[in-house]
Amino acid sequence: MKAIEGHLGIHPGETTKDGLFTFSEVECLGACVNAPMVQINDDFYEDLTPESTVKLLKALQDSANDVDTTGGKGALTGEDKNVKSGADVGVGGGQINTKNGVPVPSPGPMSGRKTCENINGLTNLTSKPWSTEVFRKDL
């Protein structure tokens, strides 16, 4: 939250002067293992650091500033779409598309994680159960 406030210059409940961002704090996004994370419109960006959060916001600002509202080349087209490493946005992960040369982050982990498990790998249920009493015998 400090990174968002510092970069955008707004606090929860406020909107940037250009109307591009409205900052809302929510109780839960339902993905603690992927935290810290943000929701931007319908997209979730996960495994954020203060630095990757600012890079994400800058990329979204740059891509929004490049949109052509006259129906020209502002839309992402097949010729413009160029998927590459998201290292420019996250910490060695994620993906970004380019739109007219402007990086547009893809939703998901910004850390290179490919599954919902913790970035450190499996951290629980790593050993056999203590005894058989935890299992139903009729199954």
C-alpha atoms as a PDB file:
ATOM      1  CA  MET A   1       0.000   0.000   0.000  1.00  0.00           C
ATOM      2  CA  LYS A   2       2.880   2.357   0.728  1.00  0.00           C
ATOM      3  CA  ALA A   3       4.300   1.730  -2.748  1.00  0.00           C
ATOM      4  CA  ILE A   4       0.935   2.531  -4.370  1.00  0.00           C
ATOM      5  CA  GLU A   5       0.424   5.633  -2.241  1.00  0.00           C
ATOM      6  CA  GLY A   6       3.963   6.816  -2.910  1.00  0.00           C
ATOM      7  CA  HIS A   7       3.823   6.279  -6.660  1.00  0.00           C
ATOM      8  CA  LEU A   8       0.286   7.447  -7.384  1.00  0.00           C
ATOM      9  CA  GLY A   9       0.128  10.131  -4.696  1.00  0.00           C
ATOM     10  CA  ILE A  10      -3.310   8.982  -3.508  1.00  0.00           C
ATOM     11  CA  HIS A  11      -4.699   7.144  -0.489  1.00  0.00           C
ATOM     12  CA  PRO A  12      -7.436   4.487  -0.237  1.00  0.00           C
ATOM     13  CA  GLY A  13     -10.746   5.926  -1.434  1.00  0.00           C
ATOM     14  CA  GLU A  14      -9.105   8.465  -3.746  1.00  0.00           C
ATOM     15  CA  THR A  15      -8.709   8.681  -7.531  1.00  0.00           C
ATOM     16  CA  THR A  16      -5.701   9.989  -9.434  1.00  0.00           C
ATOM     17  CA  LYS A  17      -6.133  13.374 -11.126  1.00  0.00           C
ATOM     18  CA  ASP A  18      -6.047  11.750 -14.565  1.00  0.00           C
ATOM     19  CA  GLY A  19      -8.872   9.386 -13.519  1.00  0.00           C
ATOM     20  CA  LEU A  20      -6.804   6.329 -14.401  1.00  0.00           C
ATOM     21  CA  PHE A  21      -6.593   4.759 -10.932  1.00  0.00           C
ATOM     22  CA  THR A  22      -8.982   4.599  -7.989  1.00  0.00           C
ATOM     23  CA  PHE A  23      -7.333   3.079  -4.926  1.00  0.00           C
ATOM     24  CA  SER A  24      -9.514   0.813  -2.779  1.00  0.00           C
ATOM     25  CA  GLU A  25      -8.409  -1.345   0.121  1.00  0.00           C
ATOM     26  CA  VAL A  26     -10.302  -4.617   0.443  1.00  0.00           C
ATOM     27  CA  GLU A  27     -10.542  -7.168   3.215  1.00  0.00           C
ATOM     28  CA  CYS A  28      -9.481 -10.247   1.259  1.00  0.00           C
ATOM     29  CA  LEU A  29      -8.737 -11.328  -2.304  1.00  0.00           C
ATOM     30  CA  GLY A  30      -8.789 -14.984  -1.260  1.00  0.00           C
ATOM     31  CA  ALA A  31      -5.254 -15.952  -2.187  1.00  0.00           C
ATOM     32  CA  CYS A  32      -2.980 -15.584   0.828  1.00  0.00           C
ATOM     33  CA  VAL A  33      -0.320 -17.871  -0.635  1.00  0.00           C
ATOM     34  CA  ASN A  34       0.003 -15.459  -3.575  1.00  0.00           C
ATOM     35  CA  ALA A  35       0.260 -12.319  -1.462  1.00  0.00           C
ATOM     36  CA  PRO A  36       1.093  -9.552  -1.637  1.00  0.00           C
ATOM     37  CA  MET A  37      -1.228  -8.997  -4.572  1.00  0.00           C
ATOM     38  CA  VAL A  38      -3.465  -6.391  -6.169  1.00  0.00           C
ATOM     39  CA  GLN A  39      -6.581  -6.536  -8.266  1.00  0.00           C
ATOM     40  CA  ILE A  40      -6.729  -4.154 -11.209  1.00  0.00           C
ATOM     41  CA  ASN A  41     -10.114  -4.298 -12.884  1.00  0.00           C
ATOM     42  CA  ASP A  42     -10.721  -8.046 -13.318  1.00  0.00           C
ATOM     43  CA  ASP A  43      -7.040  -9.027 -13.221  1.00  0.00           C
ATOM     44  CA  PHE A  44      -4.953 -10.190 -10.268  1.00  0.00           C
ATOM     45  CA  TYR A  45      -1.209  -9.504 -10.005  1.00  0.00           C
ATOM     46  CA  GLU A  46       0.564 -11.660  -7.419  1.00  0.00           C
ATOM     47  CA  ASP A  47       3.879 -12.089  -5.606  1.00  0.00           C
ATOM     48  CA  LEU A  48       4.483  -8.351  -5.638  1.00  0.00           C
ATOM     49  CA  THR A  49       7.280  -6.407  -4.000  1.00  0.00           C
ATOM     50  CA  PRO A  50       7.219  -2.637  -3.528  1.00  0.00           C
ATOM     51  CA  GLU A  51       9.525  -2.355  -6.557  1.00  0.00           C
ATOM     52  CA  SER A  52       7.503  -4.653  -8.822  1.00  0.00           C
ATOM     53  CA  THR A  53       4.291  -2.864  -7.757  1.00  0.00           C
ATOM     54  CA  VAL A  54       5.690   0.465  -8.940  1.00  0.00           C
ATOM     55  CA  LYS A  55       6.952  -1.117 -12.181  1.00  0.00           C
ATOM     56  CA  LEU A  56       3.488  -2.613 -12.733  1.00  0.00           C
ATOM     57  CA  LEU A  57       1.770   0.737 -12.154  1.00  0.00           C
ATOM     58  CA  LYS A  58       4.215   2.511 -14.480  1.00  0.00           C
ATOM     59  CA  ALA A  59       3.647  -0.082 -17.210  1.00  0.00           C
ATOM     60  CA  LEU A  60      -0.128   0.280 -16.882  1.00  0.00           C
ATOM     61  CA  GLN A  61       0.159   4.080 -16.977  1.00  0.00           C
ATOM     62  CA  ASP A  62       2.397   3.963 -20.046  1.00  0.00           C
ATOM     63  CA  SER A  63       0.076   1.562 -21.861  1.00  0.00           C
ATOM     64  CA  ALA A  64      -2.976   3.683 -21.003  1.00  0.00           C
ATOM     65  CA  ASN A  65      -1.261   6.819 -22.280  1.00  0.00           C
ATOM     66  CA  ASP A  66      -0.605   5.041 -25.578  1.00  0.00           C
ATOM     67  CA  VAL A  67      -4.249   4.096 -26.226  1.00  0.00           C
ATOM     68  CA  ASP A  68      -5.709   5.666 -29.360  1.00  0.00           C
ATOM     69  CA  THR A  69      -9.373   6.440 -28.652  1.00  0.00           C
ATOM     70  CA  THR A  70     -10.077   7.317 -32.293  1.00  0.00           C
ATOM     71  CA  GLY A  71     -10.277   3.638 -33.313  1.00  0.00           C
ATOM     72  CA  GLY A  72      -6.761   3.560 -34.723  1.00  0.00           C
ATOM     73  CA  LYS A  73      -3.859   1.386 -33.556  1.00  0.00           C
ATOM     74  CA  GLY A  74      -4.622   1.661 -29.829  1.00  0.00           C
ATOM     75  CA  ALA A  75      -6.004  -1.866 -29.578  1.00  0.00           C
ATOM     76  CA  LEU A  76      -3.730  -4.841 -29.051  1.00  0.00           C
ATOM     77  CA  THR A  77      -3.591  -6.730 -32.339  1.00  0.00           C
ATOM     78  CA  GLY A  78      -2.044  -9.992 -33.416  1.00  0.00           C
ATOM     79  CA  GLU A  79       0.826  -8.153 -35.089  1.00  0.00           C
ATOM     80  CA  ASP A  80       1.463  -6.056 -31.971  1.00  0.00           C
ATOM     81  CA  LYS A  81       1.301  -8.905 -29.463  1.00  0.00           C
ATOM     82  CA  ASN A  82       4.785  -9.977 -28.461  1.00  0.00           C
ATOM     83  CA  VAL A  83       4.968 -12.153 -25.330  1.00  0.00           C
ATOM     84  CA  LYS A  84       8.314 -12.106 -23.593  1.00  0.00           C
ATOM     85  CA  SER A  85       9.765 -12.455 -20.112  1.00  0.00           C
ATOM     86  CA  GLY A  86       8.137 -10.366 -17.413  1.00  0.00           C
ATOM     87  CA  ALA A  87      11.448  -9.572 -15.769  1.00  0.00           C
ATOM     88  CA  ASP A  88      10.910  -5.929 -16.743  1.00  0.00           C
ATOM     89  CA  VAL A  89       7.766  -5.910 -14.602  1.00  0.00           C
ATOM     90  CA  GLY A  90       8.235  -8.477 -11.859  1.00  0.00           C
ATOM     91  CA  VAL A  91      11.156 -10.183 -10.260  1.00  0.00           C
ATOM     92  CA  GLY A  92      12.208 -12.606 -12.966  1.00  0.00           C
ATOM     93  CA  GLY A  93       8.716 -13.748 -13.804  1.00  0.00           C
ATOM     94  CA  GLY A  94       5.326 -12.999 -15.189  1.00  0.00           C
ATOM     95  CA  GLN A  95       4.823 -12.109 -18.819  1.00  0.00           C
ATOM     96  CA  ILE A  96       4.322  -8.852 -20.610  1.00  0.00           C
ATOM     97  CA  ASN A  97       2.735  -8.163 -23.943  1.00  0.00           C
ATOM     98  CA  THR A  98       3.678  -5.158 -25.999  1.00  0.00           C
ATOM     99  CA  LYS A  99       1.172  -2.804 -27.537  1.00  0.00           C
ATOM    100  CA  ASN A 100       2.742  -0.425 -30.021  1.00  0.00           C
ATOM    101  CA  GLY A 101       6.023  -0.960 -28.205  1.00  0.00           C
ATOM    102  CA  VAL A 102       4.573  -0.285 -24.731  1.00  0.00           C
ATOM    103  CA  PRO A 103       4.860  -3.127 -22.173  1.00  0.00           C
ATOM    104  CA  VAL A 104       1.483  -4.342 -20.892  1.00  0.00           C
ATOM    105  CA  PRO A 105       1.793  -6.773 -17.942  1.00  0.00           C
ATOM    106  CA  SER A 106      -0.126 -10.042 -18.046  1.00  0.00           C
ATOM    107  CA  PRO A 107      -2.068 -10.899 -14.892  1.00  0.00           C
ATOM    108  CA  GLY A 108      -0.728 -13.518 -12.512  1.00  0.00           C
ATOM    109  CA  PRO A 109       2.491 -14.018 -10.598  1.00  0.00           C
ATOM    110  CA  MET A 110       5.229 -11.453 -11.041  1.00  0.00           C
ATOM    111  CA  SER A 111       7.809 -13.843  -9.580  1.00  0.00           C
ATOM    112  CA  GLY A 112       8.047 -16.593 -12.173  1.00  0.00           C
ATOM    113  CA  ARG A 113       5.847 -18.942 -10.170  1.00  0.00           C
ATOM    114  CA  LYS A 114       3.811 -21.229 -12.453  1.00  0.00           C
ATOM    115  CA  THR A 115       1.408 -22.791  -9.918  1.00  0.00           C
ATOM    116  CA  CYS A 116      -0.518 -21.667  -6.841  1.00  0.00           C
ATOM    117  CA  GLU A 117       2.048 -23.074  -4.462  1.00  0.00           C
ATOM    118  CA  ASN A 118       4.244 -20.869  -2.370  1.00  0.00           C
ATOM    119  CA  ILE A 119       7.210 -19.407  -4.255  1.00  0.00           C
ATOM    120  CA  ASN A 120       9.464 -21.421  -1.914  1.00  0.00           C
ATOM    121  CA  GLY A 121       7.872 -24.662  -3.129  1.00  0.00           C
ATOM    122  CA  LEU A 122       5.922 -27.174  -1.097  1.00  0.00           C
ATOM    123  CA  THR A 123       6.098 -26.203   2.583  1.00  0.00           C
ATOM    124  CA  ASN A 124       3.403 -28.374   4.157  1.00  0.00           C
ATOM    125  CA  LEU A 125       2.144 -31.949   3.880  1.00  0.00           C
ATOM    126  CA  THR A 126       5.682 -33.005   3.094  1.00  0.00           C
ATOM    127  CA  SER A 127       5.748 -36.148   5.244  1.00  0.00           C
ATOM    128  CA  LYS A 128       3.548 -39.200   5.744  1.00  0.00           C
ATOM    129  CA  PRO A 129       0.701 -38.954   8.283  1.00  0.00           C
ATOM    130  CA  TRP A 130       1.549 -39.875  11.858  1.00  0.00           C
ATOM    131  CA  SER A 131      -0.647 -42.983  11.880  1.00  0.00           C
ATOM    132  CA  THR A 132      -3.557 -44.695  10.159  1.00  0.00           C
ATOM    133  CA  GLU A 133      -6.279 -43.360  12.488  1.00  0.00           C
ATOM    134  CA  VAL A 134      -6.636 -40.265  10.297  1.00  0.00           C
ATOM    135  CA  PHE A 135      -7.974 -42.384   7.404  1.00  0.00           C
ATOM    136  CA  ARG A 136     -11.402 -43.993   7.022  1.00  0.00           C
ATOM    137  CA  LYS A 137     -11.079 -47.742   6.804  1.00  0.00           C
ATOM    138  CA  ASP A 138     -14.128 -48.132   4.538  1.00  0.00           C
ATOM    139  CA  LEU A 139     -12.549 -46.290   1.605  1.00  0.00           C
END
